[in-house]
Amino acid sequence: MFTTSPDEQQDILVYHARPYDNAHLQGGFLGNPDRHAYTQSFIWNSDGFPVFGTPGDN
């Protein structure tokens, strides 16, 4: 999901992820509900595409 900060000065991505490598899970990771919500602010490049950077950078 995308949103903006309350002052509308930053664009923000809201996403769900697991804070660990899920390759060890038997039966695949899609059945595991252990996800956390995260937010990541991002900027736009000169071509109008989002630049997300590395998750957790900000």
Protein backbone atom coordinates (compact mmCIF):
# COMPACT_ATOMS: atom_id res chain seq x y z
CA MET A 1 0.00 0.00 0.00
CA PHE A 2 1.18 3.53 -0.64
CA THR A 3 0.39 6.57 1.48
CA THR A 4 1.90 9.92 2.44
CA SER A 5 3.12 11.37 5.72
CA PRO A 6 0.64 13.56 7.64
CA ASP A 7 2.38 16.68 6.32
CA GLU A 8 2.30 15.18 2.78
CA GLN A 9 6.06 15.74 2.41
CA GLN A 10 7.04 12.06 2.16
CA ASP A 11 5.71 9.13 0.16
CA ILE A 12 5.53 5.91 2.17
CA LEU A 13 5.30 2.24 1.21
CA VAL A 14 3.51 -0.03 3.72
CA TYR A 15 4.21 -3.75 3.33
CA HIS A 16 4.19 -7.11 5.12
CA ALA A 17 7.31 -9.25 5.44
CA ARG A 18 8.98 -11.77 7.70
CA PRO A 19 12.03 -10.64 9.67
CA TYR A 20 13.89 -13.87 8.85
CA ASP A 21 14.79 -16.14 5.94
CA ASN A 22 11.77 -18.37 5.33
CA ALA A 23 13.56 -20.96 3.16
CA HIS A 24 13.64 -23.41 6.10
CA LEU A 25 9.85 -23.63 6.43
CA GLN A 26 8.37 -26.97 5.41
CA GLY A 27 5.42 -26.82 3.08
CA GLY A 28 6.33 -23.40 1.78
CA PHE A 29 6.10 -19.99 3.35
CA LEU A 30 2.67 -18.98 2.03
CA GLY A 31 0.88 -20.95 4.74
CA ASN A 32 2.87 -19.29 7.52
CA PRO A 33 1.01 -16.23 8.90
CA ASP A 34 4.06 -14.94 10.80
CA ARG A 35 4.41 -11.58 9.03
CA HIS A 36 5.00 -8.09 10.34
CA ALA A 37 3.94 -4.70 8.98
CA TYR A 38 6.72 -2.34 7.91
CA THR A 39 6.92 1.14 6.41
CA GLN A 40 9.54 2.54 4.07
CA SER A 41 9.73 6.10 2.82
CA PHE A 42 10.91 6.54 -0.75
CA ILE A 43 11.71 9.16 -3.36
CA TRP A 44 11.06 9.50 -7.10
CA ASN A 45 13.75 9.58 -9.79
CA SER A 46 13.80 12.07 -12.65
CA ASP A 47 11.94 9.60 -14.90
CA GLY A 48 9.03 9.39 -12.45
CA PHE A 49 9.86 5.93 -11.07
CA PRO A 50 10.00 5.19 -7.33
CA VAL A 51 13.39 4.64 -5.70
CA PHE A 52 12.77 2.39 -2.71
CA GLY A 53 16.35 1.90 -1.53
CA THR A 54 17.11 -0.96 0.83
CA PRO A 55 14.36 -2.03 3.28
CA GLY A 56 15.06 -0.74 6.75
CA ASP A 57 17.27 2.15 5.62
CA ASN A 58 14.92 4.71 7.12
